[in-house]
Amino acid sequence: MLLQKKSPQEYRNQMLVFYNSPFIWNAPEEQDMQKWKANLWRPLEVFFWADWANHRDTQYWIKRIMAATDGRGNYDYAEELYEFNPILARLEKCNVPRQYVTQTAVTSRHLVGDNANYPAEGLPFLNILWVRHLASHYQNTFLGELLNRIPPGGAPTQTWPVNQSLRVGRYRLM
């Protein structure tokens, strides 16, 4: 770009563009970088899991989640959902509140000598379809900006301008 032969006016115009760029005016400072090195892993890992969840087969998971939450007692589906507990643990380590991403499976119990099903306390499971929609919980944060850029259902990525008011090191990460 700069190595091409340009007239003095074209070169001057190009330099003005570079000089007035947001990176030059809002460049991170050393203390900002120390903060980001220590804390940036959390929003990036949440972004990773949200993008992963966005590429799952929606109909497949709706069937399993509905069976686990409506009390039909399909324990195979509930067990399949509980296999996501390590991901739930990672999201919790990243400070994502459980209520944003979990539902409770309805289970039943049998009493000895009785063939009736009685509702029992269910265990929470990670609803991977809810992980897709975390952006609404993180508005005006770095994580919210990242999550808003995930196209729904794995559609092609669109580009749009970055919110320039959210300067590096000057706003909340999550």
C-alpha atoms as a PDB file:
ATOM      1  CA  MET A   1       0.000   0.000   0.000  1.00  0.00           C
ATOM      2  CA  LEU A   2       2.707   2.471   0.972  1.00  0.00           C
ATOM      3  CA  LEU A   3       5.292   0.995  -1.386  1.00  0.00           C
ATOM      4  CA  GLN A   4       3.321   1.847  -4.499  1.00  0.00           C
ATOM      5  CA  LYS A   5       4.373   4.929  -6.448  1.00  0.00           C
ATOM      6  CA  LYS A   6       2.084   7.736  -5.380  1.00  0.00           C
ATOM      7  CA  SER A   7       1.920  11.408  -5.950  1.00  0.00           C
ATOM      8  CA  PRO A   8       2.841  13.551  -2.948  1.00  0.00           C
ATOM      9  CA  GLN A   9      -0.838  14.388  -2.451  1.00  0.00           C
ATOM     10  CA  GLU A  10      -1.887  10.706  -2.504  1.00  0.00           C
ATOM     11  CA  TYR A  11       0.870   9.872  -0.049  1.00  0.00           C
ATOM     12  CA  ARG A  12      -0.202  12.725   2.233  1.00  0.00           C
ATOM     13  CA  ASN A  13      -3.832  11.578   2.099  1.00  0.00           C
ATOM     14  CA  GLN A  14      -2.796   8.021   2.967  1.00  0.00           C
ATOM     15  CA  MET A  15      -0.729   9.238   5.903  1.00  0.00           C
ATOM     16  CA  LEU A  16      -3.695  11.275   7.184  1.00  0.00           C
ATOM     17  CA  VAL A  17      -5.846   8.151   7.092  1.00  0.00           C
ATOM     18  CA  PHE A  18      -3.244   6.225   9.102  1.00  0.00           C
ATOM     19  CA  TYR A  19      -2.665   9.077  11.511  1.00  0.00           C
ATOM     20  CA  ASN A  20      -6.401   9.481  12.195  1.00  0.00           C
ATOM     21  CA  SER A  21      -7.080   5.772  12.581  1.00  0.00           C
ATOM     22  CA  PRO A  22      -8.637   4.569  15.856  1.00  0.00           C
ATOM     23  CA  PHE A  23      -5.602   2.374  16.541  1.00  0.00           C
ATOM     24  CA  ILE A  24      -3.260   5.354  16.629  1.00  0.00           C
ATOM     25  CA  TRP A  25      -5.559   7.504  18.753  1.00  0.00           C
ATOM     26  CA  ASN A  26      -6.724   4.710  21.054  1.00  0.00           C
ATOM     27  CA  ALA A  27      -3.626   2.565  21.178  1.00  0.00           C
ATOM     28  CA  PRO A  28      -3.447   0.303  24.223  1.00  0.00           C
ATOM     29  CA  GLU A  29      -1.141   1.358  26.972  1.00  0.00           C
ATOM     30  CA  GLU A  30       1.160  -0.994  28.869  1.00  0.00           C
ATOM     31  CA  GLN A  31      -1.122  -1.151  31.926  1.00  0.00           C
ATOM     32  CA  ASP A  32      -4.048  -2.046  29.628  1.00  0.00           C
ATOM     33  CA  MET A  33      -2.093  -4.940  28.151  1.00  0.00           C
ATOM     34  CA  GLN A  34      -1.240  -6.359  31.593  1.00  0.00           C
ATOM     35  CA  LYS A  35      -4.930  -6.343  32.502  1.00  0.00           C
ATOM     36  CA  TRP A  36      -5.890  -7.999  29.244  1.00  0.00           C
ATOM     37  CA  LYS A  37      -3.251 -10.717  29.508  1.00  0.00           C
ATOM     38  CA  ALA A  38      -4.627 -11.689  32.915  1.00  0.00           C
ATOM     39  CA  ASN A  39      -8.345 -11.465  32.042  1.00  0.00           C
ATOM     40  CA  LEU A  40      -8.838 -11.791  28.299  1.00  0.00           C
ATOM     41  CA  TRP A  41      -8.992 -15.595  28.359  1.00  0.00           C
ATOM     42  CA  ARG A  42     -12.484 -15.549  29.940  1.00  0.00           C
ATOM     43  CA  PRO A  43     -14.405 -13.690  27.216  1.00  0.00           C
ATOM     44  CA  LEU A  44     -12.441 -15.464  24.490  1.00  0.00           C
ATOM     45  CA  GLU A  45     -13.299 -18.892  25.906  1.00  0.00           C
ATOM     46  CA  VAL A  46     -16.998 -17.959  26.258  1.00  0.00           C
ATOM     47  CA  PHE A  47     -16.899 -16.743  22.650  1.00  0.00           C
ATOM     48  CA  PHE A  48     -15.352 -20.078  21.611  1.00  0.00           C
ATOM     49  CA  TRP A  49     -18.141 -22.077  23.315  1.00  0.00           C
ATOM     50  CA  ALA A  50     -20.882 -19.807  21.915  1.00  0.00           C
ATOM     51  CA  ASP A  51     -19.528 -20.272  18.405  1.00  0.00           C
ATOM     52  CA  TRP A  52     -19.295 -24.033  18.982  1.00  0.00           C
ATOM     53  CA  ALA A  53     -22.933 -24.124  20.174  1.00  0.00           C
ATOM     54  CA  ASN A  54     -24.006 -22.084  17.171  1.00  0.00           C
ATOM     55  CA  HIS A  55     -22.900 -24.884  14.833  1.00  0.00           C
ATOM     56  CA  ARG A  56     -24.839 -27.702  16.554  1.00  0.00           C
ATOM     57  CA  ASP A  57     -27.867 -29.304  14.904  1.00  0.00           C
ATOM     58  CA  THR A  58     -30.778 -27.315  16.340  1.00  0.00           C
ATOM     59  CA  GLN A  59     -33.542 -29.867  15.695  1.00  0.00           C
ATOM     60  CA  TYR A  60     -31.500 -32.685  17.207  1.00  0.00           C
ATOM     61  CA  TRP A  61     -30.943 -30.758  20.445  1.00  0.00           C
ATOM     62  CA  ILE A  62     -34.466 -29.343  20.665  1.00  0.00           C
ATOM     63  CA  LYS A  63     -35.798 -32.923  20.670  1.00  0.00           C
ATOM     64  CA  ARG A  64     -33.470 -33.944  23.494  1.00  0.00           C
ATOM     65  CA  ILE A  65     -33.957 -30.825  25.581  1.00  0.00           C
ATOM     66  CA  MET A  66     -37.751 -30.994  25.286  1.00  0.00           C
ATOM     67  CA  ALA A  67     -37.755 -34.668  26.294  1.00  0.00           C
ATOM     68  CA  ALA A  68     -35.576 -33.951  29.313  1.00  0.00           C
ATOM     69  CA  THR A  69     -37.603 -30.963  30.527  1.00  0.00           C
ATOM     70  CA  ASP A  70     -41.203 -32.048  29.902  1.00  0.00           C
ATOM     71  CA  GLY A  71     -41.103 -35.071  32.200  1.00  0.00           C
ATOM     72  CA  ARG A  72     -41.535 -37.798  29.604  1.00  0.00           C
ATOM     73  CA  GLY A  73     -38.742 -39.622  31.341  1.00  0.00           C
ATOM     74  CA  ASN A  74     -36.354 -40.234  28.450  1.00  0.00           C
ATOM     75  CA  TYR A  75     -33.261 -40.894  30.532  1.00  0.00           C
ATOM     76  CA  ASP A  76     -31.034 -41.547  27.521  1.00  0.00           C
ATOM     77  CA  TYR A  77     -31.554 -37.967  26.364  1.00  0.00           C
ATOM     78  CA  ALA A  78     -30.940 -36.606  29.856  1.00  0.00           C
ATOM     79  CA  GLU A  79     -27.707 -38.601  30.101  1.00  0.00           C
ATOM     80  CA  GLU A  80     -26.637 -37.227  26.735  1.00  0.00           C
ATOM     81  CA  LEU A  81     -27.281 -33.687  27.996  1.00  0.00           C
ATOM     82  CA  TYR A  82     -25.337 -34.330  31.213  1.00  0.00           C
ATOM     83  CA  GLU A  83     -22.296 -35.174  29.082  1.00  0.00           C
ATOM     84  CA  PHE A  84     -21.968 -31.388  28.588  1.00  0.00           C
ATOM     85  CA  ASN A  85     -21.252 -30.863  32.297  1.00  0.00           C
ATOM     86  CA  PRO A  86     -17.506 -30.286  31.653  1.00  0.00           C
ATOM     87  CA  ILE A  87     -18.428 -27.436  29.274  1.00  0.00           C
ATOM     88  CA  LEU A  88     -20.805 -26.035  31.900  1.00  0.00           C
ATOM     89  CA  ALA A  89     -17.943 -26.160  34.418  1.00  0.00           C
ATOM     90  CA  ARG A  90     -15.687 -24.236  31.986  1.00  0.00           C
ATOM     91  CA  LEU A  91     -18.377 -21.578  31.448  1.00  0.00           C
ATOM     92  CA  GLU A  92     -18.802 -21.238  35.215  1.00  0.00           C
ATOM     93  CA  LYS A  93     -15.029 -20.832  35.576  1.00  0.00           C
ATOM     94  CA  CYS A  94     -15.336 -17.991  33.057  1.00  0.00           C
ATOM     95  CA  ASN A  95     -17.907 -16.353  35.384  1.00  0.00           C
ATOM     96  CA  VAL A  96     -20.980 -17.049  33.243  1.00  0.00           C
ATOM     97  CA  PRO A  97     -23.939 -17.341  35.663  1.00  0.00           C
ATOM     98  CA  ARG A  98     -25.623 -20.763  35.610  1.00  0.00           C
ATOM     99  CA  GLN A  99     -29.084 -19.294  35.056  1.00  0.00           C
ATOM    100  CA  TYR A 100     -27.985 -17.938  31.655  1.00  0.00           C
ATOM    101  CA  VAL A 101     -27.182 -21.376  30.235  1.00  0.00           C
ATOM    102  CA  THR A 102     -28.874 -24.127  32.286  1.00  0.00           C
ATOM    103  CA  GLN A 103     -32.235 -25.809  32.534  1.00  0.00           C
ATOM    104  CA  THR A 104     -33.364 -28.517  34.912  1.00  0.00           C
ATOM    105  CA  ALA A 105     -34.264 -31.977  33.707  1.00  0.00           C
ATOM    106  CA  VAL A 106     -37.511 -33.309  35.135  1.00  0.00           C
ATOM    107  CA  THR A 107     -36.987 -36.735  36.598  1.00  0.00           C
ATOM    108  CA  SER A 108     -39.282 -39.173  38.343  1.00  0.00           C
ATOM    109  CA  ARG A 109     -38.927 -41.779  41.039  1.00  0.00           C
ATOM    110  CA  HIS A 110     -40.702 -45.038  41.767  1.00  0.00           C
ATOM    111  CA  LEU A 111     -41.793 -46.100  45.207  1.00  0.00           C
ATOM    112  CA  VAL A 112     -41.444 -49.753  46.159  1.00  0.00           C
ATOM    113  CA  GLY A 113     -44.670 -51.593  45.363  1.00  0.00           C
ATOM    114  CA  ASP A 114     -46.069 -48.715  43.333  1.00  0.00           C
ATOM    115  CA  ASN A 115     -45.969 -48.320  39.581  1.00  0.00           C
ATOM    116  CA  ALA A 116     -46.697 -44.551  39.589  1.00  0.00           C
ATOM    117  CA  ASN A 117     -44.075 -42.001  38.672  1.00  0.00           C
ATOM    118  CA  TYR A 118     -43.567 -39.198  41.173  1.00  0.00           C
ATOM    119  CA  PRO A 119     -41.755 -35.996  40.274  1.00  0.00           C
ATOM    120  CA  ALA A 120     -38.283 -35.776  41.740  1.00  0.00           C
ATOM    121  CA  GLU A 121     -35.683 -33.048  41.957  1.00  0.00           C
ATOM    122  CA  GLY A 122     -33.955 -32.778  38.595  1.00  0.00           C
ATOM    123  CA  LEU A 123     -30.359 -31.865  37.903  1.00  0.00           C
ATOM    124  CA  PRO A 124     -29.391 -28.778  35.906  1.00  0.00           C
ATOM    125  CA  PHE A 125     -27.890 -29.353  32.479  1.00  0.00           C
ATOM    126  CA  LEU A 126     -26.232 -27.103  29.924  1.00  0.00           C
ATOM    127  CA  ASN A 127     -28.711 -25.967  27.282  1.00  0.00           C
ATOM    128  CA  ILE A 128     -26.379 -25.466  24.344  1.00  0.00           C
ATOM    129  CA  LEU A 129     -29.092 -23.606  22.450  1.00  0.00           C
ATOM    130  CA  TRP A 130     -29.103 -20.934  25.168  1.00  0.00           C
ATOM    131  CA  VAL A 131     -25.327 -20.515  24.890  1.00  0.00           C
ATOM    132  CA  ARG A 132     -25.971 -19.064  21.428  1.00  0.00           C
ATOM    133  CA  HIS A 133     -27.898 -16.162  22.944  1.00  0.00           C
ATOM    134  CA  LEU A 134     -25.468 -14.930  25.578  1.00  0.00           C
ATOM    135  CA  ALA A 135     -24.913 -11.615  23.758  1.00  0.00           C
ATOM    136  CA  SER A 136     -28.055 -10.082  25.265  1.00  0.00           C
ATOM    137  CA  HIS A 137     -26.569 -10.553  28.752  1.00  0.00           C
ATOM    138  CA  TYR A 138     -23.288  -8.815  27.886  1.00  0.00           C
ATOM    139  CA  GLN A 139     -24.271  -5.588  26.126  1.00  0.00           C
ATOM    140  CA  ASN A 140     -21.588  -2.853  25.961  1.00  0.00           C
ATOM    141  CA  THR A 141     -18.781  -5.239  26.827  1.00  0.00           C
ATOM    142  CA  PHE A 142     -15.959  -6.789  24.850  1.00  0.00           C
ATOM    143  CA  LEU A 143     -17.680 -10.196  25.068  1.00  0.00           C
ATOM    144  CA  GLY A 144     -20.949  -8.701  23.828  1.00  0.00           C
ATOM    145  CA  GLU A 145     -19.163  -7.245  20.812  1.00  0.00           C
ATOM    146  CA  LEU A 146     -17.641 -10.647  20.041  1.00  0.00           C
ATOM    147  CA  LEU A 147     -20.904 -12.554  20.499  1.00  0.00           C
ATOM    148  CA  ASN A 148     -22.854 -10.129  18.320  1.00  0.00           C
ATOM    149  CA  ARG A 149     -20.539 -11.053  15.446  1.00  0.00           C
ATOM    150  CA  ILE A 150     -21.507 -14.737  15.468  1.00  0.00           C
ATOM    151  CA  PRO A 151     -23.998 -15.210  12.638  1.00  0.00           C
ATOM    152  CA  PRO A 152     -27.073 -17.250  13.641  1.00  0.00           C
ATOM    153  CA  GLY A 153     -26.993 -20.918  12.697  1.00  0.00           C
ATOM    154  CA  GLY A 154     -23.515 -20.792  11.200  1.00  0.00           C
ATOM    155  CA  ALA A 155     -24.513 -18.415   8.362  1.00  0.00           C
ATOM    156  CA  PRO A 156     -21.722 -16.613   6.498  1.00  0.00           C
ATOM    157  CA  THR A 157     -20.060 -13.941   8.604  1.00  0.00           C
ATOM    158  CA  GLN A 158     -21.048 -10.368   7.850  1.00  0.00           C
ATOM    159  CA  THR A 159     -18.805  -7.440   8.578  1.00  0.00           C
ATOM    160  CA  TRP A 160     -19.874  -4.171  10.124  1.00  0.00           C
ATOM    161  CA  PRO A 161     -18.032  -1.430  11.948  1.00  0.00           C
ATOM    162  CA  VAL A 162     -16.708  -2.058  15.432  1.00  0.00           C
ATOM    163  CA  ASN A 163     -18.177   0.047  18.218  1.00  0.00           C
ATOM    164  CA  GLN A 164     -15.348   2.589  18.550  1.00  0.00           C
ATOM    165  CA  SER A 165     -16.608   3.852  21.911  1.00  0.00           C
ATOM    166  CA  LEU A 166     -15.490   0.531  23.453  1.00  0.00           C
ATOM    167  CA  ARG A 167     -11.785   1.283  23.666  1.00  0.00           C
ATOM    168  CA  VAL A 168      -9.252  -1.330  24.648  1.00  0.00           C
ATOM    169  CA  GLY A 169      -8.800  -1.388  28.403  1.00  0.00           C
ATOM    170  CA  ARG A 170     -11.488   1.262  28.934  1.00  0.00           C
ATOM    171  CA  TYR A 171     -14.599  -0.924  29.196  1.00  0.00           C
ATOM    172  CA  ARG A 172     -15.652  -4.145  30.855  1.00  0.00           C
ATOM    173  CA  LEU A 173     -14.542  -7.392  29.299  1.00  0.00           C
ATOM    174  CA  MET A 174     -17.666  -9.258  30.433  1.00  0.00           C
END
